[in-house]
C-alpha cells in the first residue's frame, strides 16, 4: 500500500501526468510511476507488515474473501482462541 501526502501528492501526480503525455509511456505499468517517485523522494517512510497480515485485492471477490478472513480472525480473537501475538496485526 502506498500513501502519499502533502507535496508527495503533487510529485506523484506530476510523474503520472508526464507518463500519460509520452506515447511510449502509455503502455508502462503504473508501478513505474511509484518507482519514479521513490527514486526522486528522499524522505520516504515505511512500515513493515508481518507476512500473512495483508492480502492483495485486485477483484471484488478478493475483497469479499478478505472481509470473510478478517471476520474469522476477529471472531477467533474475541473468543480467545487466537493469542494476542498471533493477532497483533489486527490492532
PDB file of N, CA and C in Angstrom:
ATOM      1  N   UNK A   1       0.854  -1.158   0.000  1.00  0.00           N
ATOM      2  CA  UNK A   1       0.000   0.000   0.000  1.00  0.00           C
ATOM      3  C   UNK A   1       0.906   1.228   0.000  1.00  0.00           C
ATOM      4  N   UNK A   2       0.500   2.206  -0.732  1.00  0.00           N
ATOM      5  CA  UNK A   2       1.274   3.430  -0.831  1.00  0.00           C
ATOM      6  C   UNK A   2       0.390   4.587  -0.402  1.00  0.00           C
ATOM      7  N   UNK A   3       0.936   5.448   0.441  1.00  0.00           N
ATOM      8  CA  UNK A   3       0.217   6.652   0.845  1.00  0.00           C
ATOM      9  C   UNK A   3       1.143   7.829   0.606  1.00  0.00           C
ATOM     10  N   UNK A   4       0.686   8.785  -0.176  1.00  0.00           N
ATOM     11  CA  UNK A   4       1.469   9.995  -0.401  1.00  0.00           C
ATOM     12  C   UNK A   4       0.661  11.179   0.104  1.00  0.00           C
ATOM     13  N   UNK A   5       1.325  12.080   0.807  1.00  0.00           N
ATOM     14  CA  UNK A   5       0.645  13.238   1.373  1.00  0.00           C
ATOM     15  C   UNK A   5       1.427  14.497   1.045  1.00  0.00           C
ATOM     16  N   UNK A   6       0.786  15.609   1.248  1.00  0.00           N
ATOM     17  CA  UNK A   6       1.384  16.930   1.080  1.00  0.00           C
ATOM     18  C   UNK A   6       2.038  17.077  -0.291  1.00  0.00           C
ATOM     19  N   UNK A   7       3.300  17.481  -0.315  1.00  0.00           N
ATOM     20  CA  UNK A   7       3.990  17.715  -1.591  1.00  0.00           C
ATOM     21  C   UNK A   7       4.210  16.414  -2.349  1.00  0.00           C
ATOM     22  N   UNK A   8       4.181  15.289  -1.656  1.00  0.00           N
ATOM     23  CA  UNK A   8       4.335  13.996  -2.316  1.00  0.00           C
ATOM     24  C   UNK A   8       3.235  13.743  -3.330  1.00  0.00           C
ATOM     25  N   UNK A   9       2.001  14.185  -3.002  1.00  0.00           N
ATOM     26  CA  UNK A   9       0.888  14.019  -3.933  1.00  0.00           C
ATOM     27  C   UNK A   9       1.175  14.719  -5.254  1.00  0.00           C
ATOM     28  N   UNK A  10       1.649  15.957  -5.152  1.00  0.00           N
ATOM     29  CA  UNK A  10       1.937  16.734  -6.362  1.00  0.00           C
ATOM     30  C   UNK A  10       3.038  16.068  -7.164  1.00  0.00           C
ATOM     31  N   UNK A  11       4.082  15.593  -6.482  1.00  0.00           N
ATOM     32  CA  UNK A  11       5.189  14.940  -7.184  1.00  0.00           C
ATOM     33  C   UNK A  11       4.710  13.700  -7.939  1.00  0.00           C
ATOM     34  N   UNK A  12       3.903  12.869  -7.269  1.00  0.00           N
ATOM     35  CA  UNK A  12       3.417  11.654  -7.912  1.00  0.00           C
ATOM     36  C   UNK A  12       2.481  11.996  -9.073  1.00  0.00           C
ATOM     37  N   UNK A  13       1.614  12.967  -8.887  1.00  0.00           N
ATOM     38  CA  UNK A  13       0.725  13.396  -9.978  1.00  0.00           C
ATOM     39  C   UNK A  13       1.529  13.921 -11.162  1.00  0.00           C
ATOM     40  N   UNK A  14       2.596  14.663 -10.887  1.00  0.00           N
ATOM     41  CA  UNK A  14       3.448  15.174 -11.966  1.00  0.00           C
ATOM     42  C   UNK A  14       4.105  14.030 -12.736  1.00  0.00           C
ATOM     43  N   UNK A  15       4.555  13.008 -12.017  1.00  0.00           N
ATOM     44  CA  UNK A  15       5.168  11.844 -12.670  1.00  0.00           C
ATOM     45  C   UNK A  15       4.134  11.130 -13.540  1.00  0.00           C
ATOM     46  N   UNK A  16       2.940  10.901 -13.004  1.00  0.00           N
ATOM     47  CA  UNK A  16       1.870  10.243 -13.763  1.00  0.00           C
ATOM     48  C   UNK A  16       1.462  11.079 -14.975  1.00  0.00           C
ATOM     49  N   UNK A  17       1.349  12.388 -14.778  1.00  0.00           N
ATOM     50  CA  UNK A  17       0.992  13.281 -15.873  1.00  0.00           C
ATOM     51  C   UNK A  17       2.039  13.219 -16.983  1.00  0.00           C
ATOM     52  N   UNK A  18       3.286  13.208 -16.586  1.00  0.00           N
ATOM     53  CA  UNK A  18       4.375  13.108 -17.566  1.00  0.00           C
ATOM     54  C   UNK A  18       4.296  11.793 -18.338  1.00  0.00           C
ATOM     55  N   UNK A  19       3.953  10.719 -17.638  1.00  0.00           N
ATOM     56  CA  UNK A  19       3.872   9.407 -18.282  1.00  0.00           C
ATOM     57  C   UNK A  19       2.767   9.360 -19.331  1.00  0.00           C
ATOM     58  N   UNK A  20       1.602   9.917 -19.034  1.00  0.00           N
ATOM     59  CA  UNK A  20       0.496   9.821 -19.985  1.00  0.00           C
ATOM     60  C   UNK A  20       0.686  10.742 -21.184  1.00  0.00           C
ATOM     61  N   UNK A  21       1.597  11.678 -21.085  1.00  0.00           N
ATOM     62  CA  UNK A  21       1.849  12.599 -22.199  1.00  0.00           C
ATOM     63  C   UNK A  21       2.887  12.059 -23.185  1.00  0.00           C
ATOM     64  N   UNK A  22       3.579  10.994 -22.806  1.00  0.00           N
ATOM     65  CA  UNK A  22       4.574  10.391 -23.689  1.00  0.00           C
ATOM     66  C   UNK A  22       3.989   9.115 -24.273  1.00  0.00           C
ATOM     67  N   UNK A  23       3.929   9.054 -25.593  1.00  0.00           N
ATOM     68  CA  UNK A  23       3.313   7.911 -26.260  1.00  0.00           C
ATOM     69  C   UNK A  23       3.963   6.589 -25.843  1.00  0.00           C
ATOM     70  N   UNK A  24       5.285   6.573 -25.688  1.00  0.00           N
ATOM     71  CA  UNK A  24       5.979   5.341 -25.296  1.00  0.00           C
ATOM     72  C   UNK A  24       5.601   4.888 -23.887  1.00  0.00           C
ATOM     73  N   UNK A  25       5.253   5.838 -23.019  1.00  0.00           N
ATOM     74  CA  UNK A  25       4.930   5.505 -21.631  1.00  0.00           C
ATOM     75  C   UNK A  25       3.482   5.055 -21.439  1.00  0.00           C
ATOM     76  N   UNK A  26       2.652   5.173 -22.465  1.00  0.00           N
ATOM     77  CA  UNK A  26       1.239   4.816 -22.303  1.00  0.00           C
ATOM     78  C   UNK A  26       1.051   3.343 -21.976  1.00  0.00           C
ATOM     79  N   UNK A  27       1.981   2.508 -22.384  1.00  0.00           N
ATOM     80  CA  UNK A  27       1.868   1.083 -22.084  1.00  0.00           C
ATOM     81  C   UNK A  27       2.669   0.694 -20.834  1.00  0.00           C
ATOM     82  N   UNK A  28       3.247   1.679 -20.182  1.00  0.00           N
ATOM     83  CA  UNK A  28       4.034   1.424 -18.977  1.00  0.00           C
ATOM     84  C   UNK A  28       3.105   1.154 -17.804  1.00  0.00           C
ATOM     85  N   UNK A  29       3.438   0.144 -17.035  1.00  0.00           N
ATOM     86  CA  UNK A  29       2.636  -0.203 -15.865  1.00  0.00           C
ATOM     87  C   UNK A  29       2.744   0.928 -14.841  1.00  0.00           C
ATOM     88  N   UNK A  30       1.666   1.208 -14.118  1.00  0.00           N
ATOM     89  CA  UNK A  30       1.633   2.336 -13.188  1.00  0.00           C
ATOM     90  C   UNK A  30       2.660   2.232 -12.069  1.00  0.00           C
ATOM     91  N   UNK A  31       3.148   1.006 -11.785  1.00  0.00           N
ATOM     92  CA  UNK A  31       4.162   0.873 -10.738  1.00  0.00           C
ATOM     93  C   UNK A  31       5.450   1.601 -11.100  1.00  0.00           C
ATOM     94  N   UNK A  32       5.658   1.842 -12.388  1.00  0.00           N
ATOM     95  CA  UNK A  32       6.823   2.631 -12.812  1.00  0.00           C
ATOM     96  C   UNK A  32       6.742   4.042 -12.245  1.00  0.00           C
ATOM     97  N   UNK A  33       5.539   4.571 -12.132  1.00  0.00           N
ATOM     98  CA  UNK A  33       5.360   5.902 -11.549  1.00  0.00           C
ATOM     99  C   UNK A  33       5.750   5.876 -10.073  1.00  0.00           C
ATOM    100  N   UNK A  34       5.333   4.826  -9.390  1.00  0.00           N
ATOM    101  CA  UNK A  34       5.691   4.692  -7.968  1.00  0.00           C
ATOM    102  C   UNK A  34       7.213   4.584  -7.836  1.00  0.00           C
ATOM    103  N   UNK A  35       7.834   3.781  -8.704  1.00  0.00           N
ATOM    104  CA  UNK A  35       9.288   3.639  -8.646  1.00  0.00           C
ATOM    105  C   UNK A  35       9.965   4.970  -8.952  1.00  0.00           C
ATOM    106  N   UNK A  36       9.445   5.707  -9.903  1.00  0.00           N
ATOM    107  CA  UNK A  36       9.997   7.035 -10.199  1.00  0.00           C
ATOM    108  C   UNK A  36       9.893   7.952  -9.009  1.00  0.00           C
ATOM    109  N   UNK A  37       8.774   7.890  -8.317  1.00  0.00           N
ATOM    110  CA  UNK A  37       8.583   8.690  -7.109  1.00  0.00           C
ATOM    111  C   UNK A  37       9.597   8.293  -6.040  1.00  0.00           C
ATOM    112  N   UNK A  38       9.759   6.993  -5.855  1.00  0.00           N
ATOM    113  CA  UNK A  38      10.715   6.502  -4.866  1.00  0.00           C
ATOM    114  C   UNK A  38      12.122   6.959  -5.219  1.00  0.00           C
ATOM    115  N   UNK A  39      12.464   6.906  -6.500  1.00  0.00           N
ATOM    116  CA  UNK A  39      13.801   7.306  -6.937  1.00  0.00           C
ATOM    117  C   UNK A  39      14.069   8.787  -6.689  1.00  0.00           C
ATOM    118  N   UNK A  40      13.041   9.623  -6.758  1.00  0.00           N
ATOM    119  CA  UNK A  40      13.205  11.071  -6.573  1.00  0.00           C
ATOM    120  C   UNK A  40      13.076  11.507  -5.114  1.00  0.00           C
ATOM    121  N   UNK A  41      12.282  10.814  -4.355  1.00  0.00           N
ATOM    122  CA  UNK A  41      11.940  11.244  -2.993  1.00  0.00           C
ATOM    123  C   UNK A  41      13.021  10.822  -2.005  1.00  0.00           C
ATOM    124  N   UNK A  42      13.449  11.757  -1.145  1.00  0.00           N
ATOM    125  CA  UNK A  42      14.489  11.447  -0.162  1.00  0.00           C
ATOM    126  C   UNK A  42      13.934  11.212   1.232  1.00  0.00           C
ATOM    127  N   UNK A  43      12.705  11.569   1.484  1.00  0.00           N
ATOM    128  CA  UNK A  43      12.158  11.476   2.836  1.00  0.00           C
ATOM    129  C   UNK A  43      11.022  10.452   2.897  1.00  0.00           C
ATOM    130  N   UNK A  44      11.310   9.260   2.408  1.00  0.00           N
ATOM    131  CA  UNK A  44      10.299   8.206   2.426  1.00  0.00           C
ATOM    132  C   UNK A  44      10.290   7.498   3.771  1.00  0.00           C
ATOM    133  N   UNK A  45       9.115   7.153   4.194  1.00  0.00           N
ATOM    134  CA  UNK A  45       8.966   6.368   5.423  1.00  0.00           C
ATOM    135  C   UNK A  45       8.203   5.106   5.064  1.00  0.00           C
ATOM    136  N   UNK A  46       8.401   4.066   5.824  1.00  0.00           N
ATOM    137  CA  UNK A  46       7.712   2.818   5.536  1.00  0.00           C
ATOM    138  C   UNK A  46       7.370   2.105   6.826  1.00  0.00           C
ATOM    139  N   UNK A  47       6.470   1.179   6.719  1.00  0.00           N
ATOM    140  CA  UNK A  47       6.069   0.348   7.842  1.00  0.00           C
ATOM    141  C   UNK A  47       6.185  -1.097   7.383  1.00  0.00           C
ATOM    142  N   UNK A  48       6.915  -1.900   8.144  1.00  0.00           N
ATOM    143  CA  UNK A  48       6.998  -3.318   7.813  1.00  0.00           C
ATOM    144  C   UNK A  48       5.712  -4.001   8.261  1.00  0.00           C
ATOM    145  N   UNK A  49       5.189  -4.829   7.391  1.00  0.00           N
ATOM    146  CA  UNK A  49       3.937  -5.520   7.667  1.00  0.00           C
ATOM    147  C   UNK A  49       4.235  -7.010   7.769  1.00  0.00           C
ATOM    148  N   UNK A  50       3.804  -7.653   8.850  1.00  0.00           N
ATOM    149  CA  UNK A  50       4.072  -9.089   9.009  1.00  0.00           C
ATOM    150  C   UNK A  50       3.487  -9.914   7.857  1.00  0.00           C
ATOM    151  N   UNK A  51       4.237 -10.901   7.459  1.00  0.00           N
ATOM    152  CA  UNK A  51       3.762 -11.809   6.413  1.00  0.00           C
ATOM    153  C   UNK A  51       2.452 -12.441   6.859  1.00  0.00           C
ATOM    154  N   UNK A  52       1.520 -12.521   5.967  1.00  0.00           N
ATOM    155  CA  UNK A  52       0.235 -13.130   6.285  1.00  0.00           C
ATOM    156  C   UNK A  52      -0.780 -12.171   6.873  1.00  0.00           C
ATOM    157  N   UNK A  53      -0.383 -10.921   7.097  1.00  0.00           N
ATOM    158  CA  UNK A  53      -1.323  -9.961   7.678  1.00  0.00           C
ATOM    159  C   UNK A  53      -1.834  -8.975   6.632  1.00  0.00           C
ATOM    160  N   UNK A  54      -1.610  -9.278   5.375  1.00  0.00           N
ATOM    161  CA  UNK A  54      -2.128  -8.438   4.301  1.00  0.00           C
ATOM    162  C   UNK A  54      -2.511  -9.339   3.133  1.00  0.00           C
ATOM    163  N   UNK A  55      -3.254  -8.785   2.234  1.00  0.00           N
ATOM    164  CA  UNK A  55      -3.589  -9.532   1.019  1.00  0.00           C
ATOM    165  C   UNK A  55      -3.734  -8.543  -0.122  1.00  0.00           C
ATOM    166  N   UNK A  56      -3.442  -9.005  -1.292  1.00  0.00           N
ATOM    167  CA  UNK A  56      -3.606  -8.182  -2.481  1.00  0.00           C
ATOM    168  C   UNK A  56      -5.059  -8.272  -2.934  1.00  0.00           C
ATOM    169  N   UNK A  57      -5.632  -7.132  -3.230  1.00  0.00           N
ATOM    170  CA  UNK A  57      -7.020  -7.085  -3.675  1.00  0.00           C
ATOM    171  C   UNK A  57      -7.046  -6.496  -5.076  1.00  0.00           C
ATOM    172  N   UNK A  58      -7.328  -7.364  -6.031  1.00  0.00           N
ATOM    173  CA  UNK A  58      -7.422  -6.936  -7.425  1.00  0.00           C
ATOM    174  C   UNK A  58      -8.855  -6.942  -7.926  1.00  0.00           C
ATOM    175  N   UNK A  59      -9.662  -7.825  -7.379  1.00  0.00           N
ATOM    176  CA  UNK A  59     -11.021  -8.012  -7.867  1.00  0.00           C
ATOM    177  C   UNK A  59     -12.000  -7.983  -6.692  1.00  0.00           C
ATOM    178  N   UNK A  60     -13.272  -7.791  -7.000  1.00  0.00           N
ATOM    179  CA  UNK A  60     -14.290  -7.724  -5.957  1.00  0.00           C
ATOM    180  C   UNK A  60     -14.292  -8.996  -5.103  1.00  0.00           C
ATOM    181  N   UNK A  61     -14.099 -10.148  -5.721  1.00  0.00           N
ATOM    182  CA  UNK A  61     -14.076 -11.405  -4.961  1.00  0.00           C
ATOM    183  C   UNK A  61     -12.931 -11.412  -3.954  1.00  0.00           C
ATOM    184  N   UNK A  62     -11.790 -10.803  -4.305  1.00  0.00           N
ATOM    185  CA  UNK A  62     -10.673 -10.698  -3.358  1.00  0.00           C
ATOM    186  C   UNK A  62     -11.093  -9.914  -2.123  1.00  0.00           C
ATOM    187  N   UNK A  63     -11.834  -8.833  -2.336  1.00  0.00           N
ATOM    188  CA  UNK A  63     -12.312  -8.021  -1.221  1.00  0.00           C
ATOM    189  C   UNK A  63     -13.262  -8.819  -0.333  1.00  0.00           C
ATOM    190  N   UNK A  64     -14.172  -9.541  -0.947  1.00  0.00           N
ATOM    191  CA  UNK A  64     -15.102 -10.372  -0.170  1.00  0.00           C
ATOM    192  C   UNK A  64     -14.351 -11.435   0.629  1.00  0.00           C
ATOM    193  N   UNK A  65     -13.364 -12.075  -0.009  1.00  0.00           N
ATOM    194  CA  UNK A  65     -12.551 -13.079   0.688  1.00  0.00           C
ATOM    195  C   UNK A  65     -11.805 -12.457   1.855  1.00  0.00           C
ATOM    196  N   UNK A  66     -11.249 -11.286   1.647  1.00  0.00           N
ATOM    197  CA  UNK A  66     -10.521 -10.600   2.714  1.00  0.00           C
ATOM    198  C   UNK A  66     -11.410 -10.254   3.889  1.00  0.00           C
ATOM    199  N   UNK A  67     -12.596  -9.769   3.595  1.00  0.00           N
ATOM    200  CA  UNK A  67     -13.543  -9.447   4.670  1.00  0.00           C
ATOM    201  C   UNK A  67     -13.913 -10.697   5.459  1.00  0.00           C
ATOM    202  N   UNK A  68     -14.150 -11.801   4.747  1.00  0.00           N
ATOM    203  CA  UNK A  68     -14.504 -13.062   5.411  1.00  0.00           C
ATOM    204  C   UNK A  68     -13.343 -13.546   6.285  1.00  0.00           C
ATOM    205  N   UNK A  69     -12.122 -13.487   5.757  1.00  0.00           N
ATOM    206  CA  UNK A  69     -10.950 -13.924   6.525  1.00  0.00           C
ATOM    207  C   UNK A  69     -10.743 -13.051   7.762  1.00  0.00           C
ATOM    208  N   UNK A  70     -10.905 -11.752   7.614  1.00  0.00           N
ATOM    209  CA  UNK A  70     -10.732 -10.847   8.744  1.00  0.00           C
ATOM    210  C   UNK A  70     -11.801 -11.095   9.803  1.00  0.00           C
ATOM    211  N   UNK A  71     -13.035 -11.308   9.363  1.00  0.00           N
ATOM    212  CA  UNK A  71     -14.116 -11.588  10.305  1.00  0.00           C
ATOM    213  C   UNK A  71     -13.836 -12.868  11.092  1.00  0.00           C
ATOM    214  N   UNK A  72     -13.311 -13.879  10.407  1.00  0.00           N
ATOM    215  CA  UNK A  72     -12.972 -15.143  11.079  1.00  0.00           C
ATOM    216  C   UNK A  72     -11.878 -14.915  12.115  1.00  0.00           C
ATOM    217  N   UNK A  73     -10.835 -14.170  11.744  1.00  0.00           N
ATOM    218  CA  UNK A  73      -9.743 -13.889  12.684  1.00  0.00           C
ATOM    219  C   UNK A  73     -10.242 -13.095  13.885  1.00  0.00           C
ATOM    220  N   UNK A  74     -11.087 -12.112  13.633  1.00  0.00           N
ATOM    221  CA  UNK A  74     -11.628 -11.319  14.740  1.00  0.00           C
ATOM    222  C   UNK A  74     -12.488 -12.176  15.664  1.00  0.00           C
ATOM    223  N   UNK A  75     -13.290 -13.055  15.088  1.00  0.00           N
ATOM    224  CA  UNK A  75     -14.103 -13.958  15.913  1.00  0.00           C
ATOM    225  C   UNK A  75     -13.217 -14.844  16.786  1.00  0.00           C
ATOM    226  N   UNK A  76     -12.168 -15.407  16.193  1.00  0.00           N
ATOM    227  CA  UNK A  76     -11.254 -16.259  16.960  1.00  0.00           C
ATOM    228  C   UNK A  76     -10.580 -15.468  18.077  1.00  0.00           C
ATOM    229  N   UNK A  77     -10.176 -14.249  17.764  1.00  0.00           N
ATOM    230  CA  UNK A  77      -9.526 -13.404  18.761  1.00  0.00           C
ATOM    231  C   UNK A  77     -10.487 -13.082  19.902  1.00  0.00           C
ATOM    232  N   UNK A  78     -11.705 -12.718  19.540  1.00  0.00           N
ATOM    233  CA  UNK A  78     -12.681 -12.366  20.565  1.00  0.00           C
ATOM    234  C   UNK A  78     -13.077 -13.562  21.415  1.00  0.00           C
ATOM    235  N   UNK A  79     -13.024 -14.759  20.856  1.00  0.00           N
ATOM    236  CA  UNK A  79     -13.329 -15.968  21.619  1.00  0.00           C
ATOM    237  C   UNK A  79     -12.071 -16.482  22.331  1.00  0.00           C
ATOM    238  N   UNK A  80     -10.994 -15.719  22.234  1.00  0.00           N
ATOM    239  CA  UNK A  80      -9.708 -16.040  22.876  1.00  0.00           C
ATOM    240  C   UNK A  80      -9.075 -17.318  22.340  1.00  0.00           C
ATOM    241  N   UNK A  81      -9.432 -17.698  21.132  1.00  0.00           N
ATOM    242  CA  UNK A  81      -8.802 -18.859  20.510  1.00  0.00           C
ATOM    243  C   UNK A  81      -7.594 -18.452  19.686  1.00  0.00           C
ATOM    244  N   UNK A  82      -7.358 -17.158  19.619  1.00  0.00           N
ATOM    245  CA  UNK A  82      -6.205 -16.625  18.900  1.00  0.00           C
ATOM    246  C   UNK A  82      -5.461 -15.749  19.888  1.00  0.00           C
ATOM    247  N   UNK A  83      -4.194 -16.015  20.085  1.00  0.00           N
ATOM    248  CA  UNK A  83      -3.427 -15.249  21.078  1.00  0.00           C
ATOM    249  C   UNK A  83      -3.183 -13.826  20.594  1.00  0.00           C
ATOM    250  N   UNK A  84      -2.822 -12.968  21.517  1.00  0.00           N
ATOM    251  CA  UNK A  84      -2.502 -11.585  21.192  1.00  0.00           C
ATOM    252  C   UNK A  84      -1.351 -11.534  20.198  1.00  0.00           C
ATOM    253  N   UNK A  85      -0.349 -12.386  20.396  1.00  0.00           N
ATOM    254  CA  UNK A  85       0.796 -12.407  19.494  1.00  0.00           C
ATOM    255  C   UNK A  85       0.391 -12.793  18.077  1.00  0.00           C
ATOM    256  N   UNK A  86      -0.508 -13.763  17.963  1.00  0.00           N
ATOM    257  CA  UNK A  86      -0.979 -14.191  16.647  1.00  0.00           C
ATOM    258  C   UNK A  86      -1.850 -13.134  15.992  1.00  0.00           C
ATOM    259  N   UNK A  87      -2.493 -12.319  16.796  1.00  0.00           N
ATOM    260  CA  UNK A  87      -3.431 -11.333  16.277  1.00  0.00           C
ATOM    261  C   UNK A  87      -2.914  -9.915  16.367  1.00  0.00           C
ATOM    262  N   UNK A  88      -1.618  -9.730  16.618  1.00  0.00           N
ATOM    263  CA  UNK A  88      -1.102  -8.377  16.823  1.00  0.00           C
ATOM    264  C   UNK A  88      -1.304  -7.475  15.615  1.00  0.00           C
ATOM    265  N   UNK A  89      -1.439  -8.042  14.440  1.00  0.00           N
ATOM    266  CA  UNK A  89      -1.651  -7.211  13.267  1.00  0.00           C
ATOM    267  C   UNK A  89      -3.078  -6.691  13.165  1.00  0.00           C
ATOM    268  N   UNK A  90      -3.976  -7.177  14.021  1.00  0.00           N
ATOM    269  CA  UNK A  90      -5.351  -6.717  13.996  1.00  0.00           C
ATOM    270  C   UNK A  90      -5.509  -5.364  14.668  1.00  0.00           C
ATOM    271  N   UNK A  91      -4.537  -4.964  15.445  1.00  0.00           N
ATOM    272  CA  UNK A  91      -4.628  -3.720  16.203  1.00  0.00           C
ATOM    273  C   UNK A  91      -4.395  -2.529  15.308  1.00  0.00           C
TER     274      UNK A  91
END
